[in-house]
Protein backbone atom coordinates (compact mmCIF):
# COMPACT_ATOMS: atom_id res chain seq x y z
CA MET A 1 12.15 -5.67 -17.64
CA SER A 2 11.96 -2.33 -15.66
CA VAL A 3 10.14 -1.17 -12.65
CA LYS A 4 8.55 2.27 -11.85
CA LEU A 5 9.23 4.07 -8.63
CA GLY A 6 6.40 5.89 -6.80
CA ILE A 7 5.73 7.17 -3.36
CA ALA A 8 2.74 7.54 -1.09
CA PRO A 9 1.67 10.96 0.23
CA ILE A 10 1.25 9.60 3.84
CA ALA A 11 4.84 10.75 4.56
CA TRP A 12 3.63 14.42 4.20
CA SER A 13 0.14 14.12 5.72
CA ASN A 14 -1.83 11.35 7.36
CA ASP A 15 -5.58 11.03 6.28
CA ASP A 16 -6.17 9.11 9.60
CA MET A 17 -4.67 11.62 11.77
CA PRO A 18 -5.08 15.13 10.01
CA GLU A 19 -2.98 16.81 12.75
CA LEU A 20 0.09 14.95 11.28
CA GLY A 21 1.18 17.21 8.40
CA GLY A 22 -2.22 18.88 8.33
CA GLU A 23 -0.58 22.19 7.41
CA THR A 24 1.41 20.69 4.55
CA SER A 25 -0.07 21.63 1.07
CA LEU A 26 -0.65 19.17 -1.71
CA ASP A 27 1.74 21.23 -3.95
CA GLN A 28 4.53 20.76 -1.35
CA CYS A 29 3.92 16.97 -1.37
CA LEU A 30 3.95 16.71 -5.11
CA SER A 31 6.89 19.03 -5.60
CA GLU A 32 9.05 17.12 -3.06
CA ALA A 33 7.97 13.73 -4.37
CA SER A 34 9.24 14.72 -7.82
CA GLU A 35 12.34 16.38 -6.41
CA ALA A 36 13.23 13.09 -4.58
CA GLY A 37 13.31 11.32 -7.97
CA PHE A 38 9.86 9.54 -8.09
CA ILE A 39 7.72 9.50 -11.19
CA GLY A 40 4.56 8.36 -9.46
CA ILE A 41 2.43 9.09 -6.43
CA GLU A 42 -0.51 7.35 -4.84
CA SER A 43 -3.71 9.32 -4.13
CA GLY A 44 -4.43 10.83 -0.75
CA GLY A 45 -7.03 12.86 1.04
CA LYS A 46 -5.85 16.21 -0.04
CA PHE A 47 -5.98 15.20 -3.67
CA PRO A 48 -8.70 16.62 -5.98
CA LYS A 49 -11.47 14.09 -6.64
CA THR A 50 -11.86 14.83 -10.31
CA SER A 51 -9.40 14.22 -13.09
CA ASN A 52 -9.99 17.68 -14.51
CA GLU A 53 -8.46 19.05 -11.26
CA LEU A 54 -6.01 16.32 -10.47
CA LEU A 55 -4.28 15.61 -13.88
CA PRO A 56 -2.94 19.27 -14.23
CA LYS A 57 -1.46 19.00 -10.75
CA LEU A 58 0.21 15.72 -11.58
CA GLU A 59 1.46 17.08 -14.87
CA LYS A 60 2.87 20.10 -13.29
CA TYR A 61 5.19 18.05 -11.19
CA LYS A 62 5.77 15.34 -13.85
CA LEU A 63 4.02 12.61 -11.76
CA ASN A 64 1.67 9.73 -12.52
CA LEU A 65 -1.08 8.48 -10.35
CA CYS A 66 0.30 5.00 -9.51
CA SER A 67 -2.74 3.84 -7.51
CA GLY A 68 -4.27 4.65 -4.11
CA TRP A 69 -6.22 3.21 -1.24
CA TYR A 70 -9.80 2.11 -1.39
CA GLY A 71 -11.40 0.86 1.95
CA ALA A 72 -14.15 -1.62 1.38
CA ASN A 73 -16.98 -2.93 3.65
CA LEU A 74 -17.90 -6.04 1.88
CA ARG A 75 -18.43 -7.98 4.98
CA ASP A 76 -21.37 -5.81 5.53
CA ASN A 77 -22.30 -4.51 2.08
CA SER A 78 -23.51 -6.41 -1.03
CA VAL A 79 -21.32 -6.43 -4.20
CA GLU A 80 -23.73 -4.06 -5.95
CA GLU A 81 -23.56 -1.55 -2.99
CA GLU A 82 -19.77 -1.65 -3.10
CA LYS A 83 -19.80 -1.08 -6.80
CA LYS A 84 -21.75 2.17 -6.35
CA LEU A 85 -19.59 3.26 -3.47
CA ILE A 86 -16.37 2.68 -5.47
CA SER A 87 -17.66 4.38 -8.69
CA ASN A 88 -16.32 7.88 -8.24
CA GLN A 89 -12.83 6.71 -7.31
CA LEU A 90 -12.90 4.15 -10.15
CA LYS A 91 -13.64 6.92 -12.59
CA LEU A 92 -10.88 9.12 -11.22
CA PHE A 93 -8.40 6.33 -11.37
CA LYS A 94 -9.44 5.33 -14.95
CA ASP A 95 -9.21 8.97 -16.08
CA CYS A 96 -5.69 9.23 -14.58
CA LYS A 97 -4.70 5.93 -16.06
CA SER A 98 -3.84 4.35 -12.63
CA PRO A 99 -2.52 0.87 -13.09
CA CYS A 100 -4.66 -0.67 -10.30
CA MET A 101 -6.79 0.00 -7.22
CA VAL A 102 -5.13 -0.77 -3.81
CA PHE A 103 -8.14 -2.38 -2.17
CA ALA A 104 -8.58 -3.57 1.49
CA GLU A 105 -11.38 -4.62 3.69
CA VAL A 106 -11.87 -2.20 6.49
CA SER A 107 -15.06 -3.30 8.22
CA GLY A 108 -14.32 -3.79 11.93
CA SER A 109 -10.81 -2.45 11.41
CA ILE A 110 -9.03 -1.18 14.54
CA GLN A 111 -6.17 0.52 12.67
CA GLY A 112 -7.31 3.99 13.39
CA ASP A 113 -8.36 3.37 17.02
CA PRO A 114 -5.60 4.38 19.59
CA ASN A 115 -7.44 2.39 22.27
CA ARG A 116 -7.58 -0.89 20.59
CA LYS A 117 -4.72 -3.40 20.91
CA LEU A 118 -3.61 -5.10 17.71
CA SER A 119 -4.47 -8.41 19.30
CA THR A 120 -8.16 -7.59 19.11
CA ARG A 121 -8.28 -7.08 15.39
CA PRO A 122 -11.39 -8.60 13.66
CA GLN A 123 -11.31 -12.15 12.33
CA MET A 124 -13.75 -14.44 10.42
CA GLU A 125 -15.19 -17.74 11.07
CA LEU A 126 -15.18 -20.22 8.14
CA ASP A 127 -18.68 -19.59 7.01
CA GLU A 128 -18.25 -15.73 6.86
CA ALA A 129 -14.85 -16.13 5.15
CA LYS A 130 -16.35 -18.15 2.32
CA LYS A 131 -18.92 -15.44 1.70
CA PHE A 132 -16.32 -12.79 1.87
CA TYR A 133 -14.03 -14.48 -0.61
CA TYR A 134 -16.92 -14.80 -3.08
CA LYS A 135 -17.70 -11.13 -2.75
CA ILE A 136 -14.02 -10.16 -3.25
CA SER A 137 -13.95 -12.41 -6.26
CA GLU A 138 -16.95 -10.69 -7.77
CA MET A 139 -15.33 -7.32 -7.15
CA GLY A 140 -12.09 -8.63 -8.66
CA LYS A 141 -13.93 -9.59 -11.94
CA TYR A 142 -15.88 -6.37 -12.00
CA LEU A 143 -12.75 -4.18 -11.63
CA GLU A 144 -10.85 -6.45 -14.15
CA ASP A 145 -13.73 -5.85 -16.62
CA GLN A 146 -13.19 -2.03 -15.98
CA GLU A 147 -9.56 -2.35 -16.65
CA MET A 148 -8.75 -1.34 -13.07
CA PRO A 149 -7.29 -4.47 -11.47
CA LEU A 150 -8.06 -5.09 -7.66
CA ALA A 151 -4.82 -5.21 -5.83
CA TYR A 152 -5.57 -6.61 -2.41
CA HIS A 153 -3.69 -5.02 0.51
CA HIS A 154 -3.13 -7.02 3.66
CA HIS A 155 -3.13 -4.58 6.50
CA MET A 156 -2.44 -4.51 10.24
CA GLY A 157 -5.66 -4.19 12.28
CA THR A 158 -7.91 -5.59 9.59
CA VAL A 159 -9.59 -8.91 8.89
CA ILE A 160 -6.78 -9.73 6.29
CA GLU A 161 -3.57 -9.14 8.26
CA THR A 162 -1.21 -12.09 8.50
CA GLU A 163 0.61 -14.25 5.95
CA GLU A 164 -1.96 -16.98 6.64
CA ASP A 165 -4.86 -14.62 6.09
CA THR A 166 -3.18 -13.48 2.81
CA ILE A 167 -2.58 -16.90 1.51
CA ARG A 168 -6.06 -17.99 2.31
CA LEU A 169 -7.50 -15.04 0.47
CA LEU A 170 -5.36 -15.62 -2.64
CA GLU A 171 -6.10 -19.41 -2.58
CA ASN A 172 -9.84 -18.93 -2.31
CA THR A 173 -10.54 -16.17 -4.70
CA HIS A 174 -10.71 -15.68 -8.48
CA ASP A 175 -7.50 -14.98 -10.26
CA SER A 176 -8.77 -11.43 -10.96
CA VAL A 177 -8.00 -10.68 -7.29
CA LYS A 178 -4.41 -9.50 -7.42
CA LEU A 179 -1.93 -8.53 -4.57
CA THR A 180 -0.40 -5.50 -3.26
CA LEU A 181 2.46 -6.88 -1.01
CA ASP A 182 3.34 -4.59 1.72
CA THR A 183 6.75 -5.59 3.18
CA GLY A 184 6.28 -3.52 6.35
CA HIS A 185 2.85 -4.80 7.20
CA MET A 186 3.81 -8.40 6.42
CA LEU A 187 6.85 -8.20 8.86
CA PHE A 188 4.75 -6.56 11.45
CA ALA A 189 2.39 -9.46 11.29
CA LYS A 190 5.30 -11.82 11.63
CA GLY A 191 4.98 -12.99 7.99
CA ASN A 192 7.45 -13.79 5.23
CA SER A 193 7.28 -11.43 2.21
CA LEU A 194 9.87 -13.66 0.32
CA LYS A 195 7.59 -16.73 0.60
CA ILE A 196 4.52 -14.69 -0.56
CA LEU A 197 6.59 -13.41 -3.56
CA ASN A 198 7.78 -16.90 -4.51
CA ASP A 199 4.53 -18.62 -4.13
CA PHE A 200 2.15 -15.97 -5.48
CA HIS A 201 4.18 -13.95 -7.97
CA THR A 202 1.60 -14.41 -10.72
CA ARG A 203 -0.84 -12.47 -8.41
CA LEU A 204 1.52 -9.59 -7.62
CA ILE A 205 0.81 -6.34 -9.47
CA HIS A 206 1.76 -3.71 -6.94
CA MET A 207 4.24 -3.42 -4.12
CA HIS A 208 4.61 -1.13 -1.04
CA CYS A 209 8.19 -0.85 0.08
CA LYS A 210 7.77 -0.07 3.73
CA ASP A 211 10.59 -0.77 6.21
CA ILE A 212 10.59 -1.48 9.88
CA ARG A 213 12.59 -0.28 12.83
CA LYS A 214 13.29 -3.53 14.52
CA ASP A 215 13.55 -2.37 18.08
CA VAL A 216 10.29 -0.47 17.85
CA LEU A 217 8.56 -3.36 16.29
CA GLU A 218 9.66 -5.79 19.01
CA ASN A 219 8.50 -3.30 21.73
CA SER A 220 5.13 -2.86 19.92
CA LEU A 221 4.59 -6.69 19.75
CA LYS A 222 5.79 -7.20 23.31
CA ASN A 223 3.42 -4.58 24.68
CA ASP A 224 0.58 -5.31 22.18
CA LEU A 225 0.32 -1.64 21.24
CA SER A 226 -2.40 -0.27 18.97
CA PHE A 227 -1.55 0.22 15.31
CA ARG A 228 -1.61 3.92 15.85
CA GLY A 229 0.64 3.72 18.92
CA ALA A 230 3.15 1.63 17.02
CA PHE A 231 3.59 3.96 14.07
CA LEU A 232 3.64 7.06 16.33
CA ASP A 233 6.56 5.33 18.18
CA GLY A 234 8.29 5.04 14.79
CA ALA A 235 7.74 1.35 13.87
CA PHE A 236 7.65 2.32 10.06
CA THR A 237 10.35 3.95 8.05
CA VAL A 238 11.60 3.99 4.48
CA PRO A 239 13.66 1.32 2.73
CA GLY A 240 17.27 1.75 3.70
CA ASP A 241 16.48 3.05 7.22
CA GLY A 242 15.08 -0.17 8.70
CA CYS A 243 15.79 -3.87 9.07
CA ILE A 244 14.38 -5.28 5.85
CA ASP A 245 16.92 -6.56 3.22
CA TYR A 246 15.21 -5.95 -0.15
CA LYS A 247 17.85 -7.60 -2.33
CA PRO A 248 16.40 -11.13 -1.96
CA LEU A 249 12.92 -9.76 -2.72
CA PHE A 250 14.15 -7.83 -5.75
CA ASP A 251 15.95 -10.99 -6.89
CA VAL A 252 12.51 -12.72 -7.03
CA LEU A 253 10.99 -9.84 -8.93
CA LYS A 254 13.90 -10.13 -11.45
CA LYS A 255 13.42 -13.79 -11.81
CA ASN A 256 9.63 -13.33 -12.57
CA ASN A 257 9.95 -10.23 -14.75
CA TYR A 258 7.99 -8.00 -12.57
CA ASN A 259 7.44 -4.66 -14.23
CA GLY A 260 4.97 -2.83 -12.04
CA TRP A 261 5.30 -0.11 -9.49
CA LEU A 262 7.44 -0.14 -6.26
CA VAL A 263 5.90 2.43 -3.98
CA VAL A 264 7.85 3.88 -0.93
CA GLU A 265 5.34 4.22 1.93
CA ALA A 266 5.92 4.93 5.57
CA GLU A 267 3.52 6.18 8.22
CA GLN A 268 5.67 8.67 10.22
CA ASP A 269 5.23 11.92 12.03
CA PRO A 270 6.51 14.51 9.53
CA SER A 271 7.63 16.74 12.44
CA LYS A 272 10.03 14.00 13.42
CA ALA A 273 10.88 12.51 10.04
CA ASN A 274 11.25 15.15 7.32
CA PRO A 275 9.28 13.76 4.26
CA LEU A 276 11.70 15.11 1.72
CA GLU A 277 14.75 13.79 3.49
CA TYR A 278 13.25 10.30 3.96
CA ALA A 279 11.83 10.17 0.50
CA LYS A 280 15.50 10.76 -0.91
CA ILE A 281 16.70 7.97 1.44
CA GLY A 282 14.13 5.55 0.18
CA TYR A 283 14.77 6.51 -3.45
CA LYS A 284 18.53 6.12 -3.15
CA TYR A 285 18.28 2.70 -1.52
CA LEU A 286 15.87 1.31 -4.03
CA ASN A 287 18.01 2.58 -6.91
CA GLU A 288 21.17 0.97 -5.47
CA THR A 289 19.47 -2.35 -4.49
CA LEU A 290 17.48 -2.72 -7.82
CA ARG A 291 20.75 -2.23 -9.65
CA LYS A 292 22.40 -5.01 -7.68
CA SER A 293 19.46 -7.31 -8.69
CA GLY A 294 19.92 -6.32 -12.33
CA ILE A 295 16.59 -4.53 -12.57
CA GLU A 296 16.33 -1.42 -14.58
CA ILE A 297 14.31 1.55 -13.42
CA TYR A 298 11.94 3.19 -15.83
CA LYS A 299 12.41 6.86 -16.46
CA ASP A 300 9.32 8.67 -17.56
């Protein structure tokens, strides 16, 4: 088995806060991602929206499109409405041979609201949850048929945030609904990534390796900060610079022959955390730790 290492462009520029890295060009982002050693990158707001424009950019820097975010509104929209809304991104991802679609429900999300404490995030009653799980299952089947698997991303400030939320989602949806495990978001929500990996390894097809600065996390939870406030304070960082030990997680990946992507992702202010420097830190740590777990790294 071997895994592929990718990175998210959010370290260079933040789509939710354009003032963070707003002046950074896409070419700088792609160039530095490649320089740091990664062979893949997720999509972002500065990326071209057609494969005719995007593929030459990726090829120039020897990068693959290794997925990207799609924010759904299935609590409000019908499945058919969501299929239409996702169609352009689906075509782009298929053309670029992305392995999956990172999919999250964002209706009612407070992740981008600096005035909303995380304790006020949306939640669902049982009746709504049942309808939601059905819709997610239908989208999972549809995207599976399109050969673009739905990889659900639990996320702070959204309706699927905690370990319990994630487990309920996976237990109550069709097997076509796969998982993007984000280690940083799971820890922030006081969840256990190791348990999720052990119990739902058959659903895992994508993984975000996001680390946490423990002291900032504790302050964020104690003072019930907004999601934006927490990451601006420096809650997130790259693997190797935070408190998460990835060795036990990678041991589970090895045991279950995981051969997908591991994507370094960390919302940080690029004026405080140089993107290239931190990309190299994350790459070095993943290389060293994967080697200790006996996992080979795919070289494109």
